[in-house]
N, C-alpha and C. Protein backbone atom coordinates (compact mmCIF):
# COMPACT_ATOMS: atom_id res chain seq x y z
N MET A 1 142.30 161.87 30.82
CA MET A 1 142.65 160.49 30.56
C MET A 1 142.23 159.60 31.73
N ILE A 2 142.49 160.07 32.94
CA ILE A 2 142.15 159.29 34.12
C ILE A 2 140.63 159.18 34.27
N LYS A 3 139.92 160.28 33.93
CA LYS A 3 138.45 160.25 33.99
C LYS A 3 137.88 159.20 33.06
N SER A 4 138.41 159.13 31.84
CA SER A 4 137.89 158.16 30.89
C SER A 4 138.20 156.73 31.33
N LEU A 5 139.35 156.49 31.93
CA LEU A 5 139.66 155.16 32.44
C LEU A 5 138.73 154.78 33.59
N HIS A 6 138.43 155.76 34.43
CA HIS A 6 137.52 155.50 35.53
C HIS A 6 136.12 155.17 35.00
N ARG A 7 135.70 155.87 33.96
CA ARG A 7 134.40 155.61 33.35
C ARG A 7 134.36 154.22 32.72
N ILE A 8 135.42 153.84 32.04
CA ILE A 8 135.48 152.51 31.43
C ILE A 8 135.42 151.43 32.50
N LYS A 9 136.11 151.65 33.61
CA LYS A 9 136.09 150.69 34.71
C LYS A 9 134.68 150.58 35.30
N SER A 10 133.99 151.72 35.46
CA SER A 10 132.63 151.72 35.98
C SER A 10 131.69 150.96 35.05
N LEU A 11 131.82 151.18 33.75
CA LEU A 11 130.98 150.47 32.78
C LEU A 11 131.26 148.97 32.78
N ALA A 12 132.53 148.61 32.94
CA ALA A 12 132.88 147.19 32.99
C ALA A 12 132.23 146.52 34.20
N ILE A 13 132.20 147.20 35.32
CA ILE A 13 131.56 146.66 36.53
C ILE A 13 130.06 146.49 36.30
N LEU A 14 129.43 147.47 35.65
CA LEU A 14 128.00 147.37 35.35
C LEU A 14 127.69 146.19 34.42
N PHE A 15 128.50 146.03 33.38
CA PHE A 15 128.27 144.93 32.46
C PHE A 15 128.43 143.59 33.16
N LYS A 16 129.40 143.51 34.06
CA LYS A 16 129.65 142.28 34.79
C LYS A 16 128.50 141.94 35.73
N SER A 17 127.87 142.97 36.32
CA SER A 17 126.80 142.73 37.27
C SER A 17 125.47 142.40 36.59
N GLY A 18 125.34 142.70 35.31
CA GLY A 18 124.12 142.38 34.59
C GLY A 18 122.99 143.37 34.81
N GLU A 19 123.28 144.54 35.34
CA GLU A 19 122.24 145.52 35.63
C GLU A 19 122.20 146.67 34.62
N VAL A 20 122.83 146.50 33.51
CA VAL A 20 122.81 147.53 32.48
C VAL A 20 121.42 147.57 31.85
N GLY A 21 120.84 148.75 31.74
CA GLY A 21 119.53 148.89 31.14
C GLY A 21 118.37 148.67 32.09
N MET A 22 118.65 148.43 33.37
CA MET A 22 117.57 148.20 34.33
C MET A 22 116.70 149.43 34.49
N ALA A 23 117.29 150.59 34.57
CA ALA A 23 116.49 151.81 34.75
C ALA A 23 115.58 152.03 33.55
N THR A 24 116.09 151.77 32.36
CA THR A 24 115.28 151.94 31.16
C THR A 24 114.11 150.98 31.16
N ALA A 25 114.34 149.75 31.56
CA ALA A 25 113.25 148.76 31.61
C ALA A 25 112.22 149.16 32.65
N GLU A 26 112.66 149.68 33.78
CA GLU A 26 111.72 150.11 34.82
C GLU A 26 110.88 151.29 34.34
N TYR A 27 111.51 152.22 33.63
CA TYR A 27 110.75 153.35 33.08
C TYR A 27 109.73 152.85 32.06
N ALA A 28 110.10 151.88 31.26
CA ALA A 28 109.18 151.35 30.25
C ALA A 28 107.97 150.68 30.91
N VAL A 29 108.21 149.90 31.94
CA VAL A 29 107.11 149.23 32.63
C VAL A 29 106.19 150.26 33.28
N THR A 30 106.77 151.28 33.89
CA THR A 30 105.98 152.33 34.53
C THR A 30 105.15 153.09 33.50
N THR A 31 105.73 153.36 32.35
CA THR A 31 105.01 154.07 31.30
C THR A 31 103.84 153.25 30.78
N VAL A 32 104.06 151.95 30.58
CA VAL A 32 102.97 151.08 30.11
C VAL A 32 101.86 151.01 31.15
N ALA A 33 102.23 150.91 32.44
CA ALA A 33 101.22 150.86 33.50
C ALA A 33 100.43 152.17 33.56
N ALA A 34 101.11 153.30 33.42
CA ALA A 34 100.43 154.59 33.45
C ALA A 34 99.46 154.72 32.27
N CYS A 35 99.87 154.25 31.11
CA CYS A 35 98.98 154.29 29.94
C CYS A 35 97.77 153.39 30.14
N GLY A 36 97.97 152.26 30.77
CA GLY A 36 96.85 151.37 31.06
C GLY A 36 95.85 152.00 32.00
N PHE A 37 96.35 152.62 33.07
CA PHE A 37 95.46 153.30 34.01
C PHE A 37 94.74 154.47 33.34
N ALA A 38 95.45 155.22 32.50
CA ALA A 38 94.83 156.35 31.81
C ALA A 38 93.70 155.85 30.90
N GLY A 39 93.94 154.76 30.20
CA GLY A 39 92.90 154.20 29.34
C GLY A 39 91.69 153.73 30.13
N MET A 40 91.97 153.11 31.27
CA MET A 40 90.88 152.63 32.12
C MET A 40 90.05 153.80 32.66
N PHE A 41 90.71 154.85 33.13
CA PHE A 41 89.99 156.02 33.65
C PHE A 41 89.22 156.73 32.54
N TYR A 42 89.79 156.80 31.35
CA TYR A 42 89.08 157.43 30.23
C TYR A 42 87.81 156.66 29.92
N LYS A 43 87.93 155.33 29.86
CA LYS A 43 86.76 154.50 29.55
C LYS A 43 85.70 154.64 30.65
N LEU A 44 86.15 154.67 31.89
CA LEU A 44 85.22 154.80 33.02
C LEU A 44 84.52 156.16 33.00
N LEU A 45 85.28 157.23 32.83
CA LEU A 45 84.71 158.57 32.89
C LEU A 45 83.89 158.93 31.66
N SER A 46 84.11 158.26 30.55
CA SER A 46 83.34 158.57 29.34
C SER A 46 82.10 157.69 29.21
N SER A 47 81.85 156.83 30.19
CA SER A 47 80.66 155.98 30.12
C SER A 47 79.41 156.80 30.43
N GLU A 48 78.29 156.32 29.96
CA GLU A 48 77.02 157.04 30.13
C GLU A 48 76.62 157.14 31.60
N SER A 49 76.78 156.07 32.36
CA SER A 49 76.39 156.10 33.77
C SER A 49 77.24 157.08 34.58
N MET A 50 78.53 157.16 34.26
CA MET A 50 79.40 158.09 34.97
C MET A 50 79.06 159.53 34.58
N ALA A 51 78.74 159.77 33.32
CA ALA A 51 78.35 161.11 32.88
C ALA A 51 77.07 161.55 33.59
N ARG A 52 76.14 160.61 33.75
CA ARG A 52 74.88 160.92 34.46
C ARG A 52 75.17 161.23 35.93
N LEU A 53 76.06 160.45 36.55
CA LEU A 53 76.41 160.67 37.95
C LEU A 53 77.08 162.03 38.16
N ILE A 54 78.01 162.37 37.28
CA ILE A 54 78.69 163.66 37.38
C ILE A 54 77.71 164.80 37.14
N GLY A 55 76.80 164.62 36.17
CA GLY A 55 75.78 165.64 35.90
C GLY A 55 74.88 165.87 37.09
N ASP A 56 74.45 164.77 37.75
CA ASP A 56 73.61 164.91 38.94
C ASP A 56 74.34 165.62 40.07
N LEU A 57 75.60 165.28 40.26
CA LEU A 57 76.39 165.95 41.31
C LEU A 57 76.53 167.45 41.03
N MET A 58 76.80 167.78 39.77
CA MET A 58 76.94 169.20 39.42
C MET A 58 75.61 169.94 39.60
N ARG A 59 74.50 169.30 39.21
CA ARG A 59 73.19 169.93 39.37
C ARG A 59 72.89 170.19 40.84
N ARG A 60 73.18 169.20 41.69
CA ARG A 60 72.93 169.39 43.13
C ARG A 60 73.81 170.49 43.71
N ALA A 61 75.06 170.51 43.30
CA ALA A 61 75.99 171.52 43.84
C ALA A 61 75.57 172.92 43.39
N LEU A 62 75.18 173.06 42.14
CA LEU A 62 74.80 174.38 41.64
C LEU A 62 73.43 174.81 42.13
N SER A 63 72.53 173.88 42.35
CA SER A 63 71.21 174.26 42.81
C SER A 63 71.25 174.77 44.24
N SER A 64 72.19 174.29 45.04
CA SER A 64 72.29 174.80 46.42
C SER A 64 72.78 176.25 46.43
N PHE A 65 73.54 176.66 45.43
CA PHE A 65 74.00 178.04 45.36
C PHE A 65 72.91 178.98 44.83
N LEU A 66 72.03 178.44 44.00
CA LEU A 66 71.01 179.27 43.38
C LEU A 66 69.80 179.48 44.26
N ILE A 67 69.61 178.63 45.25
CA ILE A 67 68.43 178.75 46.11
C ILE A 67 68.69 179.74 47.23
């Protein structure tokens, strides 16, 4: 009984301070930002010029082992 009263008091303080749901909003903003960066990196890495650059780097790295 005392635990539940303490919990109700804690929730009342949170509602009064206006910070209820702040963590959820911060997680949502972080998730949207991460998705934006992932989309940007996908677009960058799947471009033709980047594929050519990565291919050249791999060819140079492997040719030094084969010689």
